Amino acid sequence: TTPKQPYYFQQKNMKPIALGGIWDRWVSDKGSVDSCCIITEPANALVSSVHERMPAIILPELYDEWLDANNR
């Protein structure tokens, strides 16, 4: 098989990109396990030549909604 090729993506303005994700903590009497996952979506026109999926990009105006612990 062909090795995977890493790619580096950035915004033209060089600002950070926020990605959507979820996390959870599973707890039992023997301990706990933290886990997380990056949410993906179909690739946009810029990414589709590299891969069919891409991380979900969160727009700055939605940061508060994504970071609100009451939104479950």
PDB file of N, CA and C in Angstrom:
ATOM      1  N   THR A   1       0.832  -1.195   0.000  1.00  0.00           N
ATOM      2  CA  THR A   1       0.000   0.000   0.000  1.00  0.00           C
ATOM      3  C   THR A   1       0.875   1.258   0.000  1.00  0.00           C
ATOM      4  N   THR A   2       0.313   2.310  -0.528  1.00  0.00           N
ATOM      5  CA  THR A   2       1.023   3.588  -0.585  1.00  0.00           C
ATOM      6  C   THR A   2       0.934   4.282   0.765  1.00  0.00           C
ATOM      7  N   PRO A   3       2.054   4.799   1.281  1.00  0.00           N
ATOM      8  CA  PRO A   3       1.986   5.522   2.559  1.00  0.00           C
ATOM      9  C   PRO A   3       1.106   6.769   2.446  1.00  0.00           C
ATOM     10  N   LYS A   4       0.450   7.124   3.554  1.00  0.00           N
ATOM     11  CA  LYS A   4      -0.381   8.324   3.562  1.00  0.00           C
ATOM     12  C   LYS A   4       0.502   9.563   3.509  1.00  0.00           C
ATOM     13  N   GLN A   5       0.021  10.581   2.809  1.00  0.00           N
ATOM     14  CA  GLN A   5       0.738  11.840   2.661  1.00  0.00           C
ATOM     15  C   GLN A   5       0.139  12.867   3.612  1.00  0.00           C
ATOM     16  N   PRO A   6       0.904  13.401   4.564  1.00  0.00           N
ATOM     17  CA  PRO A   6       0.343  14.453   5.422  1.00  0.00           C
ATOM     18  C   PRO A   6       0.213  15.769   4.657  1.00  0.00           C
ATOM     19  N   TYR A   7      -0.796  16.549   5.014  1.00  0.00           N
ATOM     20  CA  TYR A   7      -1.015  17.866   4.421  1.00  0.00           C
ATOM     21  C   TYR A   7      -1.154  18.886   5.533  1.00  0.00           C
ATOM     22  N   TYR A   8      -0.755  20.101   5.260  1.00  0.00           N
ATOM     23  CA  TYR A   8      -0.857  21.201   6.212  1.00  0.00           C
ATOM     24  C   TYR A   8      -1.834  22.214   5.649  1.00  0.00           C
ATOM     25  N   PHE A   9      -2.895  22.486   6.394  1.00  0.00           N
ATOM     26  CA  PHE A   9      -3.892  23.469   5.982  1.00  0.00           C
ATOM     27  C   PHE A   9      -3.856  24.643   6.947  1.00  0.00           C
ATOM     28  N   GLN A  10      -4.024  25.846   6.413  1.00  0.00           N
ATOM     29  CA  GLN A  10      -4.112  27.039   7.248  1.00  0.00           C
ATOM     30  C   GLN A  10      -4.975  28.062   6.539  1.00  0.00           C
ATOM     31  N   GLN A  11      -5.486  29.011   7.303  1.00  0.00           N
ATOM     32  CA  GLN A  11      -6.261  30.098   6.711  1.00  0.00           C
ATOM     33  C   GLN A  11      -5.310  31.092   6.047  1.00  0.00           C
ATOM     34  N   LYS A  12      -5.803  31.772   5.055  1.00  0.00           N
ATOM     35  CA  LYS A  12      -4.979  32.781   4.391  1.00  0.00           C
ATOM     36  C   LYS A  12      -4.531  33.870   5.353  1.00  0.00           C
ATOM     37  N   ASN A  13      -5.392  34.195   6.332  1.00  0.00           N
ATOM     38  CA  ASN A  13      -5.045  35.247   7.295  1.00  0.00           C
ATOM     39  C   ASN A  13      -4.182  34.723   8.447  1.00  0.00           C
ATOM     40  N   MET A  14      -3.814  33.453   8.416  1.00  0.00           N
ATOM     41  CA  MET A  14      -2.939  32.802   9.401  1.00  0.00           C
ATOM     42  C   MET A  14      -3.563  32.671  10.788  1.00  0.00           C
ATOM     43  N   LYS A  15      -4.848  32.973  10.957  1.00  0.00           N
ATOM     44  CA  LYS A  15      -5.502  32.824  12.255  1.00  0.00           C
ATOM     45  C   LYS A  15      -5.796  31.346  12.510  1.00  0.00           C
ATOM     46  N   PRO A  16      -5.885  30.956  13.799  1.00  0.00           N
ATOM     47  CA  PRO A  16      -6.196  29.557  14.118  1.00  0.00           C
ATOM     48  C   PRO A  16      -7.565  29.149  13.585  1.00  0.00           C
ATOM     49  N   ILE A  17      -7.727  27.870  13.372  1.00  0.00           N
ATOM     50  CA  ILE A  17      -8.990  27.291  12.919  1.00  0.00           C
ATOM     51  C   ILE A  17      -9.558  26.466  14.070  1.00  0.00           C
ATOM     52  N   ALA A  18     -10.814  26.701  14.436  1.00  0.00           N
ATOM     53  CA  ALA A  18     -11.471  25.916  15.480  1.00  0.00           C
ATOM     54  C   ALA A  18     -12.197  24.740  14.822  1.00  0.00           C
ATOM     55  N   LEU A  19     -12.004  23.558  15.375  1.00  0.00           N
ATOM     56  CA  LEU A  19     -12.627  22.346  14.847  1.00  0.00           C
ATOM     57  C   LEU A  19     -13.674  21.833  15.822  1.00  0.00           C
ATOM     58  N   GLY A  20     -14.771  21.306  15.281  1.00  0.00           N
ATOM     59  CA  GLY A  20     -15.819  20.737  16.122  1.00  0.00           C
ATOM     60  C   GLY A  20     -15.406  19.379  16.651  1.00  0.00           C
ATOM     61  N   GLY A  21     -15.744  19.133  17.888  1.00  0.00           N
ATOM     62  CA  GLY A  21     -15.433  17.848  18.488  1.00  0.00           C
ATOM     63  C   GLY A  21     -16.346  17.547  19.652  1.00  0.00           C
ATOM     64  N   ILE A  22     -16.283  16.319  20.107  1.00  0.00           N
ATOM     65  CA  ILE A  22     -17.039  15.891  21.273  1.00  0.00           C
ATOM     66  C   ILE A  22     -16.097  15.160  22.215  1.00  0.00           C
ATOM     67  N   TRP A  23     -16.444  15.131  23.486  1.00  0.00           N
ATOM     68  CA  TRP A  23     -15.664  14.374  24.444  1.00  0.00           C
ATOM     69  C   TRP A  23     -16.603  13.811  25.503  1.00  0.00           C
ATOM     70  N   ASP A  24     -16.119  12.802  26.189  1.00  0.00           N
ATOM     71  CA  ASP A  24     -16.913  12.194  27.249  1.00  0.00           C
ATOM     72  C   ASP A  24     -15.973  11.526  28.244  1.00  0.00           C
ATOM     73  N   ARG A  25     -16.463  11.326  29.429  1.00  0.00           N
ATOM     74  CA  ARG A  25     -15.718  10.604  30.458  1.00  0.00           C
ATOM     75  C   ARG A  25     -16.571   9.421  30.897  1.00  0.00           C
ATOM     76  N   TRP A  26     -16.023   8.212  30.729  1.00  0.00           N
ATOM     77  CA  TRP A  26     -16.685   7.004  31.183  1.00  0.00           C
ATOM     78  C   TRP A  26     -16.119   6.661  32.545  1.00  0.00           C
ATOM     79  N   VAL A  27     -16.997   6.463  33.515  1.00  0.00           N
ATOM     80  CA  VAL A  27     -16.568   6.210  34.889  1.00  0.00           C
ATOM     81  C   VAL A  27     -17.132   4.876  35.361  1.00  0.00           C
ATOM     82  N   SER A  28     -16.271   4.097  35.984  1.00  0.00           N
ATOM     83  CA  SER A  28     -16.698   2.849  36.615  1.00  0.00           C
ATOM     84  C   SER A  28     -16.054   2.769  37.989  1.00  0.00           C
ATOM     85  N   ASP A  29     -16.337   1.711  38.716  1.00  0.00           N
ATOM     86  CA  ASP A  29     -15.726   1.555  40.033  1.00  0.00           C
ATOM     87  C   ASP A  29     -14.230   1.277  39.950  1.00  0.00           C
ATOM     88  N   LYS A  30     -13.718   1.004  38.770  1.00  0.00           N
ATOM     89  CA  LYS A  30     -12.288   0.732  38.578  1.00  0.00           C
ATOM     90  C   LYS A  30     -11.514   1.940  38.049  1.00  0.00           C
ATOM     91  N   GLY A  31     -12.195   3.038  37.787  1.00  0.00           N
ATOM     92  CA  GLY A  31     -11.518   4.226  37.271  1.00  0.00           C
ATOM     93  C   GLY A  31     -12.338   4.923  36.214  1.00  0.00           C
ATOM     94  N   SER A  32     -11.677   5.781  35.442  1.00  0.00           N
ATOM     95  CA  SER A  32     -12.369   6.522  34.396  1.00  0.00           C
ATOM     96  C   SER A  32     -11.518   6.572  33.132  1.00  0.00           C
ATOM     97  N   VAL A  33     -12.194   6.796  32.032  1.00  0.00           N
ATOM     98  CA  VAL A  33     -11.537   6.916  30.731  1.00  0.00           C
ATOM     99  C   VAL A  33     -12.090   8.154  30.037  1.00  0.00           C
ATOM    100  N   ASP A  34     -11.212   9.085  29.672  1.00  0.00           N
ATOM    101  CA  ASP A  34     -11.609  10.239  28.873  1.00  0.00           C
ATOM    102  C   ASP A  34     -11.399   9.905  27.403  1.00  0.00           C
ATOM    103  N   SER A  35     -12.343  10.297  26.564  1.00  0.00           N
ATOM    104  CA  SER A  35     -12.191  10.067  25.128  1.00  0.00           C
ATOM    105  C   SER A  35     -12.709  11.278  24.368  1.00  0.00           C
ATOM    106  N   CYS A  36     -12.225  11.432  23.143  1.00  0.00           N
ATOM    107  CA  CYS A  36     -12.660  12.551  22.317  1.00  0.00           C
ATOM    108  C   CYS A  36     -12.652  12.150  20.852  1.00  0.00           C
ATOM    109  N   CYS A  37     -13.329  12.959  20.042  1.00  0.00           N
ATOM    110  CA  CYS A  37     -13.446  12.679  18.616  1.00  0.00           C
ATOM    111  C   CYS A  37     -13.622  14.006  17.874  1.00  0.00           C
ATOM    112  N   ILE A  38     -12.934  14.168  16.765  1.00  0.00           N
ATOM    113  CA  ILE A  38     -13.132  15.334  15.909  1.00  0.00           C
ATOM    114  C   ILE A  38     -14.293  15.028  14.963  1.00  0.00           C
ATOM    115  N   ILE A  39     -15.237  15.938  14.868  1.00  0.00           N
ATOM    116  CA  ILE A  39     -16.393  15.766  13.985  1.00  0.00           C
ATOM    117  C   ILE A  39     -15.971  16.101  12.555  1.00  0.00           C
ATOM    118  N   THR A  40     -16.372  15.256  11.611  1.00  0.00           N
ATOM    119  CA  THR A  40     -16.047  15.502  10.211  1.00  0.00           C
ATOM    120  C   THR A  40     -17.310  15.757   9.402  1.00  0.00           C
ATOM    121  N   GLU A  41     -17.096  16.289   8.205  1.00  0.00           N
ATOM    122  CA  GLU A  41     -18.179  16.567   7.272  1.00  0.00           C
ATOM    123  C   GLU A  41     -17.636  16.362   5.859  1.00  0.00           C
ATOM    124  N   PRO A  42     -18.508  16.354   4.844  1.00  0.00           N
ATOM    125  CA  PRO A  42     -17.990  16.243   3.477  1.00  0.00           C
ATOM    126  C   PRO A  42     -17.017  17.387   3.181  1.00  0.00           C
ATOM    127  N   ALA A  43     -15.992  17.090   2.423  1.00  0.00           N
ATOM    128  CA  ALA A  43     -14.963  18.090   2.097  1.00  0.00           C
ATOM    129  C   ALA A  43     -15.538  19.217   1.248  1.00  0.00           C
ATOM    130  N   ASN A  44     -15.028  20.427   1.501  1.00  0.00           N
ATOM    131  CA  ASN A  44     -15.404  21.562   0.662  1.00  0.00           C
ATOM    132  C   ASN A  44     -14.558  21.540  -0.615  1.00  0.00           C
ATOM    133  N   ALA A  45     -14.761  22.510  -1.472  1.00  0.00           N
ATOM    134  CA  ALA A  45     -14.068  22.532  -2.769  1.00  0.00           C
ATOM    135  C   ALA A  45     -12.549  22.608  -2.623  1.00  0.00           C
ATOM    136  N   LEU A  46     -12.052  23.272  -1.586  1.00  0.00           N
ATOM    137  CA  LEU A  46     -10.608  23.403  -1.401  1.00  0.00           C
ATOM    138  C   LEU A  46      -9.957  22.106  -0.937  1.00  0.00           C
ATOM    139  N   VAL A  47     -10.671  21.311  -0.185  1.00  0.00           N
ATOM    140  CA  VAL A  47     -10.100  20.094   0.407  1.00  0.00           C
ATOM    141  C   VAL A  47     -10.404  18.839  -0.418  1.00  0.00           C
ATOM    142  N   SER A  48     -11.444  18.863  -1.218  1.00  0.00           N
ATOM    143  CA  SER A  48     -11.905  17.653  -1.899  1.00  0.00           C
ATOM    144  C   SER A  48     -10.871  17.024  -2.832  1.00  0.00           C
ATOM    145  N   SER A  49      -9.895  17.785  -3.282  1.00  0.00           N
ATOM    146  CA  SER A  49      -8.854  17.182  -4.128  1.00  0.00           C
ATOM    147  C   SER A  49      -7.879  16.346  -3.298  1.00  0.00           C
ATOM    148  N   VAL A  50      -7.921  16.509  -1.974  1.00  0.00           N
ATOM    149  CA  VAL A  50      -7.032  15.780  -1.078  1.00  0.00           C
ATOM    150  C   VAL A  50      -7.759  14.613  -0.410  1.00  0.00           C
ATOM    151  N   HIS A  51      -9.007  14.851   0.015  1.00  0.00           N
ATOM    152  CA  HIS A  51      -9.763  13.815   0.728  1.00  0.00           C
ATOM    153  C   HIS A  51     -11.247  14.125   0.644  1.00  0.00           C
ATOM    154  N   GLU A  52     -12.076  13.106   0.797  1.00  0.00           N
ATOM    155  CA  GLU A  52     -13.525  13.280   0.687  1.00  0.00           C
ATOM    156  C   GLU A  52     -14.170  13.850   1.954  1.00  0.00           C
ATOM    157  N   ARG A  53     -13.458  13.800   3.099  1.00  0.00           N
ATOM    158  CA  ARG A  53     -13.971  14.310   4.369  1.00  0.00           C
ATOM    159  C   ARG A  53     -13.006  15.357   4.920  1.00  0.00           C
ATOM    160  N   MET A  54     -13.502  16.182   5.831  1.00  0.00           N
ATOM    161  CA  MET A  54     -12.654  17.176   6.494  1.00  0.00           C
ATOM    162  C   MET A  54     -13.236  17.460   7.880  1.00  0.00           C
ATOM    163  N   PRO A  55     -12.424  17.973   8.801  1.00  0.00           N
ATOM    164  CA  PRO A  55     -12.972  18.342  10.102  1.00  0.00           C
ATOM    165  C   PRO A  55     -14.005  19.452   9.952  1.00  0.00           C
ATOM    166  N   ALA A  56     -15.013  19.423  10.809  1.00  0.00           N
ATOM    167  CA  ALA A  56     -16.020  20.487  10.826  1.00  0.00           C
ATOM    168  C   ALA A  56     -15.374  21.739  11.407  1.00  0.00           C
ATOM    169  N   ILE A  57     -15.357  22.815  10.629  1.00  0.00           N
ATOM    170  CA  ILE A  57     -14.769  24.078  11.061  1.00  0.00           C
ATOM    171  C   ILE A  57     -15.853  24.906  11.744  1.00  0.00           C
ATOM    172  N   ILE A  58     -15.540  25.384  12.952  1.00  0.00           N
ATOM    173  CA  ILE A  58     -16.496  26.181  13.722  1.00  0.00           C
ATOM    174  C   ILE A  58     -16.192  27.663  13.497  1.00  0.00           C
ATOM    175  N   LEU A  59     -17.187  28.403  13.045  1.00  0.00           N
ATOM    176  CA  LEU A  59     -17.034  29.836  12.805  1.00  0.00           C
ATOM    177  C   LEU A  59     -16.947  30.585  14.126  1.00  0.00           C
ATOM    178  N   PRO A  60     -16.171  31.679  14.186  1.00  0.00           N
ATOM    179  CA  PRO A  60     -16.012  32.435  15.435  1.00  0.00           C
ATOM    180  C   PRO A  60     -17.333  32.839  16.090  1.00  0.00           C
ATOM    181  N   GLU A  61     -18.337  33.177  15.302  1.00  0.00           N
ATOM    182  CA  GLU A  61     -19.614  33.595  15.885  1.00  0.00           C
ATOM    183  C   GLU A  61     -20.359  32.441  16.569  1.00  0.00           C
ATOM    184  N   LEU A  62     -19.888  31.205  16.383  1.00  0.00           N
ATOM    185  CA  LEU A  62     -20.509  30.043  17.024  1.00  0.00           C
ATOM    186  C   LEU A  62     -19.684  29.477  18.189  1.00  0.00           C
ATOM    187  N   TYR A  63     -18.542  30.080  18.507  1.00  0.00           N
ATOM    188  CA  TYR A  63     -17.687  29.573  19.587  1.00  0.00           C
ATOM    189  C   TYR A  63     -18.442  29.458  20.899  1.00  0.00           C
ATOM    190  N   ASP A  64     -19.142  30.506  21.303  1.00  0.00           N
ATOM    191  CA  ASP A  64     -19.845  30.486  22.588  1.00  0.00           C
ATOM    192  C   ASP A  64     -20.861  29.351  22.651  1.00  0.00           C
ATOM    193  N   GLU A  65     -21.584  29.139  21.559  1.00  0.00           N
ATOM    194  CA  GLU A  65     -22.575  28.062  21.523  1.00  0.00           C
ATOM    195  C   GLU A  65     -21.895  26.699  21.663  1.00  0.00           C
ATOM    196  N   TRP A  66     -20.784  26.486  20.955  1.00  0.00           N
ATOM    197  CA  TRP A  66     -20.067  25.217  21.020  1.00  0.00           C
ATOM    198  C   TRP A  66     -19.450  24.980  22.391  1.00  0.00           C
ATOM    199  N   LEU A  67     -19.017  26.042  23.055  1.00  0.00           N
ATOM    200  CA  LEU A  67     -18.324  25.890  24.332  1.00  0.00           C
ATOM    201  C   LEU A  67     -19.254  25.938  25.538  1.00  0.00           C
ATOM    202  N   ASP A  68     -20.532  26.165  25.312  1.00  0.00           N
ATOM    203  CA  ASP A  68     -21.513  26.214  26.398  1.00  0.00           C
ATOM    204  C   ASP A  68     -21.819  24.797  26.869  1.00  0.00           C
ATOM    205  N   ALA A  69     -21.437  24.488  28.103  1.00  0.00           N
ATOM    206  CA  ALA A  69     -21.646  23.148  28.649  1.00  0.00           C
ATOM    207  C   ALA A  69     -23.126  22.777  28.773  1.00  0.00           C
ATOM    208  N   ASN A  70     -24.013  23.760  28.724  1.00  0.00           N
ATOM    209  CA  ASN A  70     -25.456  23.471  28.809  1.00  0.00           C
ATOM    210  C   ASN A  70     -26.043  23.015  27.484  1.00  0.00           C
ATOM    211  N   ASN A  71     -25.301  23.138  26.391  1.00  0.00           N
ATOM    212  CA  ASN A  71     -25.771  22.667  25.076  1.00  0.00           C
ATOM    213  C   ASN A  71     -25.357  21.207  24.911  1.00  0.00           C
ATOM    214  N   ARG A  72     -26.252  20.337  25.226  1.00  0.00           N
ATOM    215  CA  ARG A  72     -25.950  18.893  25.135  1.00  0.00           C
ATOM    216  C   ARG A  72     -26.943  18.218  24.243  1.00  0.00           C
TER     217      ARG A  72
END
